Protein backbone atom coordinates (compact mmCIF):
# COMPACT_ATOMS: atom_id res chain seq x y z
CA MET A 1 33.41 12.45 -4.20
CA SER A 2 32.91 10.94 -1.08
CA VAL A 3 31.60 7.40 -0.53
CA LEU A 4 28.11 8.09 0.17
CA GLN A 5 28.03 10.62 -2.75
CA ALA A 6 29.10 7.79 -5.16
CA LEU A 7 26.47 5.57 -3.58
CA ASP A 8 23.74 8.24 -4.24
CA VAL A 9 25.03 8.54 -7.88
CA GLY A 10 25.18 4.97 -8.57
CA LEU A 11 21.65 4.34 -6.93
CA GLY A 12 20.23 7.01 -9.07
CA ALA A 13 21.64 5.42 -12.29
CA LEU A 14 20.58 2.13 -11.27
CA VAL A 15 16.89 3.34 -10.75
CA LEU A 16 17.06 4.94 -14.23
CA ALA A 17 18.41 1.78 -15.69
CA VAL A 18 15.63 -0.41 -14.40
CA ALA A 19 12.95 1.89 -15.14
CA VAL A 20 13.95 2.22 -18.75
CA TRP A 21 14.23 -1.82 -18.72
CA THR A 22 10.82 -2.20 -17.33
CA ILE A 23 9.48 0.32 -19.84
CA LEU A 24 11.05 -1.44 -22.81
CA ALA A 25 10.73 -5.21 -21.50
CA ARG A 26 8.29 -7.08 -24.09
CA GLU A 27 6.58 -9.58 -21.80
CA ALA A 28 4.27 -8.61 -18.91
CA PHE A 29 5.73 -10.80 -16.62
CA ALA A 30 9.38 -9.51 -17.30
CA ALA A 31 7.91 -5.86 -16.77
CA VAL A 32 6.46 -6.82 -13.56
CA VAL A 33 9.67 -8.16 -12.19
CA GLY A 34 11.16 -4.84 -13.32
CA TYR A 35 8.45 -2.90 -11.42
CA VAL A 36 8.86 -4.78 -8.26
CA ALA A 37 12.96 -4.26 -8.52
CA TYR A 38 12.17 -0.55 -9.22
CA GLY A 39 9.86 -0.24 -6.14
CA LEU A 40 12.64 -1.51 -3.85
CA LEU A 41 15.28 0.51 -5.13
CA LEU A 42 12.93 3.54 -4.50
CA SER A 43 12.58 2.35 -0.94
CA ILE A 44 16.34 2.89 -0.50
CA VAL A 45 16.38 6.09 -2.26
CA TRP A 46 13.60 7.33 0.18
CA VAL A 47 15.65 5.92 2.98
CA ARG A 48 18.58 7.95 1.57
CA LEU A 49 16.31 11.34 1.79
CA PHE A 50 15.59 10.41 5.33
CA ALA A 51 12.05 9.70 4.49
CA VAL A 52 11.84 6.26 6.45
CA ASP A 53 7.99 6.48 6.46
CA VAL A 54 7.53 6.69 2.66
CA ALA A 55 10.46 4.13 2.18
CA LEU A 56 8.13 1.54 4.47
CA THR A 57 5.05 2.43 2.55
CA GLU A 58 6.89 1.82 -0.77
CA ALA A 59 8.42 -1.41 -0.12
CA ALA A 60 4.93 -2.84 1.44
CA ILE A 61 2.64 -1.33 -0.99
CA GLY A 62 4.36 -0.20 -4.04
CA SER A 63 6.41 -3.08 -4.61
CA GLY A 64 5.12 -5.82 -2.28
CA VAL A 65 1.33 -5.77 -2.55
CA THR A 66 1.31 -4.04 -6.05
CA GLY A 67 3.77 -6.77 -7.25
CA VAL A 68 1.79 -9.49 -5.99
CA LEU A 69 -1.30 -8.20 -7.93
CA LEU A 70 0.80 -7.55 -11.11
CA ILE A 71 2.49 -10.87 -10.95
CA GLY A 72 -1.29 -12.52 -10.62
CA ALA A 73 -2.43 -10.63 -13.44
CA ALA A 74 0.56 -11.21 -15.89
CA ALA A 75 -0.10 -15.29 -15.01
CA ARG A 76 -3.66 -14.62 -16.09
CA LEU A 77 -2.95 -12.94 -19.24
CA ARG A 78 0.02 -15.10 -20.33
CA GLU A 79 -2.15 -17.48 -22.20
CA ALA A 80 -3.88 -14.42 -23.97
CA GLU A 81 -0.64 -13.03 -24.95
CA ARG A 82 0.31 -16.53 -26.40
CA SER A 83 -2.90 -16.69 -28.51
CA THR A 84 -3.06 -13.30 -29.95
CA VAL A 85 -0.53 -11.29 -32.46
CA GLU A 86 0.86 -8.51 -30.53
CA GLU A 87 -0.45 -5.37 -32.14
CA GLN A 88 2.31 -2.73 -33.13
CA LEU A 89 1.94 0.96 -33.38
CA SER A 90 3.04 2.39 -36.58
CA ALA A 91 6.32 4.45 -36.44
CA PRO A 92 4.82 7.81 -36.52
CA TRP A 93 2.58 7.03 -33.57
CA ARG A 94 5.46 5.66 -31.72
CA ILE A 95 7.36 8.95 -32.37
CA LEU A 96 4.47 10.98 -31.13
CA ALA A 97 4.19 8.84 -27.75
CA GLY A 98 8.01 9.41 -27.31
CA ILE A 99 7.85 12.97 -27.93
CA LEU A 100 4.74 13.55 -25.42
CA CYS A 101 6.75 11.32 -22.74
CA ALA A 102 9.88 13.63 -23.33
CA VAL A 103 7.63 16.76 -22.90
CA VAL A 104 6.11 15.56 -19.91
CA ALA A 105 9.60 14.36 -18.14
CA ALA A 106 10.97 17.58 -19.17
CA ALA A 107 8.20 19.56 -17.69
CA LEU A 108 8.22 17.62 -14.27
CA ALA A 109 12.03 18.27 -14.14
CA ALA A 110 11.68 22.07 -14.92
CA VAL A 111 9.16 22.26 -11.97
CA VAL A 112 11.51 20.66 -9.40
CA LEU A 113 14.50 22.64 -10.85
CA LEU A 114 12.96 25.95 -10.90
CA LEU A 115 11.73 25.78 -7.40
CA PRO A 116 12.69 28.80 -5.13
CA ASP A 117 15.67 28.15 -2.80
CA PRO A 118 14.53 27.36 -0.18
CA ALA A 119 11.57 25.64 -1.53
CA PRO A 120 8.05 26.46 -0.03
CA THR A 121 6.97 24.38 2.85
CA LEU A 122 4.32 24.27 5.45
CA ALA A 123 6.78 22.23 7.81
CA PRO A 124 7.37 25.13 10.15
CA ALA A 125 3.68 25.52 10.55
CA ALA A 126 3.14 21.66 11.28
CA ALA A 127 6.05 21.71 13.43
CA GLU A 128 4.70 24.83 15.32
CA HIS A 129 1.46 22.82 16.66
CA LEU A 130 3.08 19.38 16.87
CA ALA A 131 2.65 19.44 20.81
CA ALA A 132 -0.89 19.93 20.76
CA THR A 133 -1.20 16.56 19.20
CA GLY A 134 1.07 14.87 21.82
CA LEU A 135 2.79 12.88 18.77
CA GLY A 136 6.41 12.90 18.17
CA ASN A 137 6.29 11.78 14.57
CA PRO A 138 5.21 14.85 12.35
CA ILE A 139 4.16 12.62 9.34
CA THR A 140 1.31 10.89 11.77
CA ALA A 141 0.29 14.01 13.00
CA VAL A 142 -0.28 15.51 9.38
CA LEU A 143 -1.88 12.40 8.41
CA ILE A 144 -4.52 11.95 11.17
CA ALA A 145 -4.73 15.58 12.71
CA TYR A 146 -3.97 18.00 9.95
CA ARG A 147 -5.50 16.34 6.95
CA SER A 148 -7.59 13.63 8.82
CA PHE A 149 -10.58 14.20 6.22
CA ASP A 150 -8.40 12.77 3.59
CA THR A 151 -6.82 9.97 5.41
CA MET A 152 -10.34 8.83 6.49
CA LEU A 153 -11.52 9.05 2.67
CA GLU A 154 -8.38 6.84 1.63
CA LYS A 155 -9.68 4.41 3.81
CA VAL A 156 -13.26 4.40 2.27
CA VAL A 157 -11.78 3.92 -1.06
CA LEU A 158 -10.06 1.02 -0.08
CA VAL A 159 -13.35 -0.53 1.03
CA LEU A 160 -14.96 0.43 -2.31
CA ALA A 161 -12.13 -1.16 -4.03
CA VAL A 162 -12.79 -4.48 -2.41
CA ILE A 163 -16.51 -4.53 -3.08
CA GLY A 164 -15.39 -3.58 -6.72
CA VAL A 165 -13.31 -6.78 -6.93
CA TRP A 166 -15.80 -8.89 -5.29
CA SER A 167 -18.75 -7.53 -7.87
CA LEU A 168 -16.38 -9.27 -10.77
CA ALA A 169 -17.71 -12.60 -9.12
CA PRO A 170 -20.58 -14.47 -10.95
CA ASP A 171 -23.74 -14.35 -9.14
CA HIS A 172 -24.06 -17.90 -7.83
CA LEU A 173 -20.70 -17.62 -6.20
CA TRP A 174 -21.39 -14.26 -4.28
CA GLY A 175 -20.68 -15.01 -0.72
CA GLY A 176 -18.10 -17.55 -1.32
CA ALA A 177 -14.36 -17.66 -0.92
CA PRO A 178 -11.54 -16.64 -3.39
CA GLY A 179 -8.66 -18.61 -4.29
CA ALA A 180 -7.98 -22.44 -3.91
CA PRO A 181 -9.10 -24.53 -0.86
CA ARG A 182 -6.59 -25.37 1.70
CA ALA A 183 -4.23 -28.25 0.73
CA GLY A 184 -4.36 -31.67 2.48
CA ARG A 185 -0.49 -31.49 2.46
CA PRO A 186 0.88 -28.11 1.93
CA GLU A 187 4.19 -27.78 0.40
CA GLY A 188 6.88 -28.14 2.91
CA ALA A 189 9.06 -25.38 1.85
CA LEU A 190 6.65 -22.64 1.48
CA ALA A 191 4.61 -24.08 4.81
CA PHE A 192 7.85 -23.98 6.73
CA LEU A 193 8.74 -20.35 5.35
CA ALA A 194 5.19 -19.09 6.27
CA GLN A 195 5.29 -20.86 9.86
CA MET A 196 8.64 -19.06 10.70
CA LEU A 197 8.04 -15.82 8.95
CA ALA A 198 4.55 -14.91 9.79
CA PRO A 199 4.78 -14.88 13.65
CA LEU A 200 8.03 -12.57 13.54
CA GLY A 201 6.31 -10.40 10.91
CA VAL A 202 2.79 -9.95 13.17
CA LEU A 203 5.14 -9.02 15.87
CA ILE A 204 7.17 -6.51 13.74
CA GLY A 205 3.96 -5.10 12.13
CA ILE A 206 2.53 -4.57 15.54
CA HIS A 207 5.70 -2.60 16.56
CA ILE A 208 5.66 -0.44 13.53
CA PHE A 209 2.07 0.46 14.21
CA TRP A 210 2.65 1.09 17.75
CA VAL A 211 5.99 3.41 17.40
CA GLY A 212 4.32 5.27 14.28
CA ALA A 213 3.01 7.84 17.01
CA ASP A 214 6.49 8.94 17.83
CA GLU A 215 8.93 7.25 15.15
CA PRO A 216 8.63 6.29 11.41
CA GLY A 217 5.61 4.00 11.09
CA GLY A 218 2.20 4.01 11.61
CA ALA A 219 -1.21 2.39 10.50
CA PHE A 220 -0.66 2.04 7.14
CA GLU A 221 2.78 0.54 7.16
CA GLY A 222 1.99 -1.74 10.14
CA GLY A 223 -1.25 -2.99 8.50
CA ALA A 224 0.63 -3.56 5.44
CA ILE A 225 3.04 -6.03 7.09
CA LEU A 226 0.26 -7.74 8.77
CA ALA A 227 -1.48 -8.10 5.65
CA ALA A 228 1.54 -9.51 3.80
CA MET A 229 1.88 -12.24 6.64
CA TRP A 230 -1.50 -13.04 6.21
CA MET A 231 -1.03 -13.41 2.29
CA ILE A 232 1.95 -15.62 2.81
CA VAL A 233 -0.22 -17.83 5.13
CA ILE A 234 -2.67 -18.04 2.64
CA MET A 235 -0.41 -18.64 -0.39
CA ALA A 236 1.30 -21.47 1.53
CA ARG A 237 -2.11 -23.22 1.55
CA LEU A 238 -2.06 -23.18 5.58
CA VAL A 239 -5.51 -21.54 5.78
CA GLU A 240 -7.96 -20.44 3.38
CA ALA A 241 -9.12 -17.24 2.38
CA PRO A 242 -12.38 -16.48 4.16
CA GLN A 243 -15.76 -16.13 2.36
CA ILE A 244 -16.71 -12.69 1.80
CA ASN A 245 -20.10 -13.22 3.43
CA SER A 246 -18.21 -13.61 7.01
CA LEU A 247 -19.58 -11.25 9.51
CA TRP A 248 -16.10 -10.89 11.22
CA LEU A 249 -14.35 -10.12 7.83
CA ARG A 250 -17.00 -7.26 6.96
CA MET A 251 -16.81 -5.85 10.24
CA THR A 252 -12.92 -5.78 10.03
CA LEU A 253 -13.16 -4.07 6.62
CA ILE A 254 -15.29 -1.21 7.59
CA ALA A 255 -13.84 -0.78 11.38
CA GLY A 256 -11.30 1.82 10.54
CA PRO A 257 -13.46 4.22 8.61
CA MET A 258 -16.32 3.76 10.90
CA VAL A 259 -14.32 4.35 13.93
CA PHE A 260 -12.69 7.57 12.30
CA MET A 261 -16.28 8.89 11.46
CA ALA A 262 -17.43 7.95 14.85
CA ILE A 263 -14.76 9.91 16.64
CA GLY A 264 -14.72 12.62 13.79
CA ALA A 265 -18.64 13.35 14.90
CA ALA A 266 -18.10 13.19 18.69
CA GLY A 267 -15.33 16.04 17.80
CA VAL A 268 -18.35 18.06 17.05
CA LEU A 269 -19.68 18.22 20.36
CA ALA A 270 -16.38 17.77 22.23
CA ALA A 271 -14.05 20.05 20.37
CA GLY A 272 -16.29 22.23 18.21
CA SER A 273 -15.68 20.68 14.57
CA PHE A 274 -15.73 17.67 12.78
CA LEU A 275 -12.52 15.60 13.04
CA ALA A 276 -11.31 17.92 16.04
CA TYR A 277 -9.87 16.36 18.95
CA PRO A 278 -10.46 17.68 22.66
CA SER A 279 -7.37 19.28 24.24
CA GLY A 280 -5.26 16.46 26.13
CA PHE A 281 -7.13 13.79 24.36
CA ALA A 282 -5.51 13.83 21.12
CA LYS A 283 -2.89 11.31 21.36
CA PRO A 284 -5.09 8.61 22.94
CA LEU A 285 -7.76 9.03 20.18
CA ILE A 286 -5.51 9.14 17.40
CA LEU A 287 -3.95 5.91 18.45
CA PHE A 288 -7.23 4.45 19.03
CA ILE A 289 -8.30 5.33 15.49
CA GLU A 290 -4.99 3.85 14.12
CA ALA A 291 -5.37 0.62 15.87
CA PHE A 292 -8.98 0.06 13.85
CA MET A 293 -7.24 1.48 10.64
CA THR A 294 -4.57 -1.23 10.98
CA LEU A 295 -6.92 -3.78 11.24
CA THR A 296 -8.66 -2.55 8.20
CA ILE A 297 -5.56 -2.37 6.11
CA ALA A 298 -4.41 -5.66 7.31
CA ALA A 299 -7.86 -7.11 6.06
CA ILE A 300 -8.16 -4.99 2.93
CA LEU A 301 -5.12 -5.75 1.09
CA PRO A 302 -5.01 -9.40 1.15
CA MET A 303 -8.77 -9.51 -0.12
CA LEU A 304 -7.64 -7.35 -2.84
CA VAL A 305 -4.83 -9.73 -3.85
CA ALA A 306 -7.04 -12.89 -3.46
CA GLY A 307 -9.62 -11.39 -6.01
CA PRO A 308 -13.37 -12.39 -6.47
CA PRO A 309 -14.72 -15.45 -5.27
CA THR A 310 -14.22 -18.53 -6.93
CA ARG A 311 -16.03 -21.02 -4.65
CA ALA A 312 -19.71 -21.47 -3.99
CA PRO A 313 -20.52 -20.28 -0.20
CA ARG A 314 -20.77 -23.09 2.39
CA PRO A 315 -24.15 -23.44 4.10
């Protein structure tokens, strides 16, 4: 067994061990920590599978933003956990749940192991028409050209998710800002980290977006990194989360889907169908769409983490 094979076996065993530990954890906070660690390990697995785009998304969304959301939820539920008696399922129900989980796991394993060799794939068809898009990254081509309608709807779903979170606020707080106000004197260590890390992270996020046309990266990965930098600055209390009635915030939230739909509608006249790109203009139009999608993602994710407004709007 080579060193890389031993590394892969050890990584796989560690992923399974962390997954089991996360499931068996008694406290919500411990389970969240296990989940974040599990997501980071999965990022390494995707790198080993040469799926760098998926690895970037998993690290940024799977363990990053989702981890922050779950940590916040666990902190809010901690008092409730202490004040209520944990209800335990009876032994027969636990056995039945375990059997059902085992059956589902076995079915998924069978589907993967019984695939024909070579497995069915649309990769050759995607690669055949890659040159027409002008892109070097087939992942970006698939997301923005081949399944562009799905990608556009994903951003619409994110906007609806933010609206759903905001709707949890009481009526008298509607239009206000989420989170705590800016501190008079932010904590030194955290403020220093935010001031040092945020500028570097912004450059990395813009770079990841820009190279996504030809290399691993793209709007979602770049936008997630930019969102993480904004969240760090907000958590350091260097700035406040914006009021949800801010015009610039609302325009940023809908910029990605609106530009996507506008260019898609223009494709009816210029290329004969919705979300089609005129010959020779595919790459610049795709980059234009991705630029606005990056801004939308960078605004949506921090707003999801910040939650509903907790302060009344300022006049």
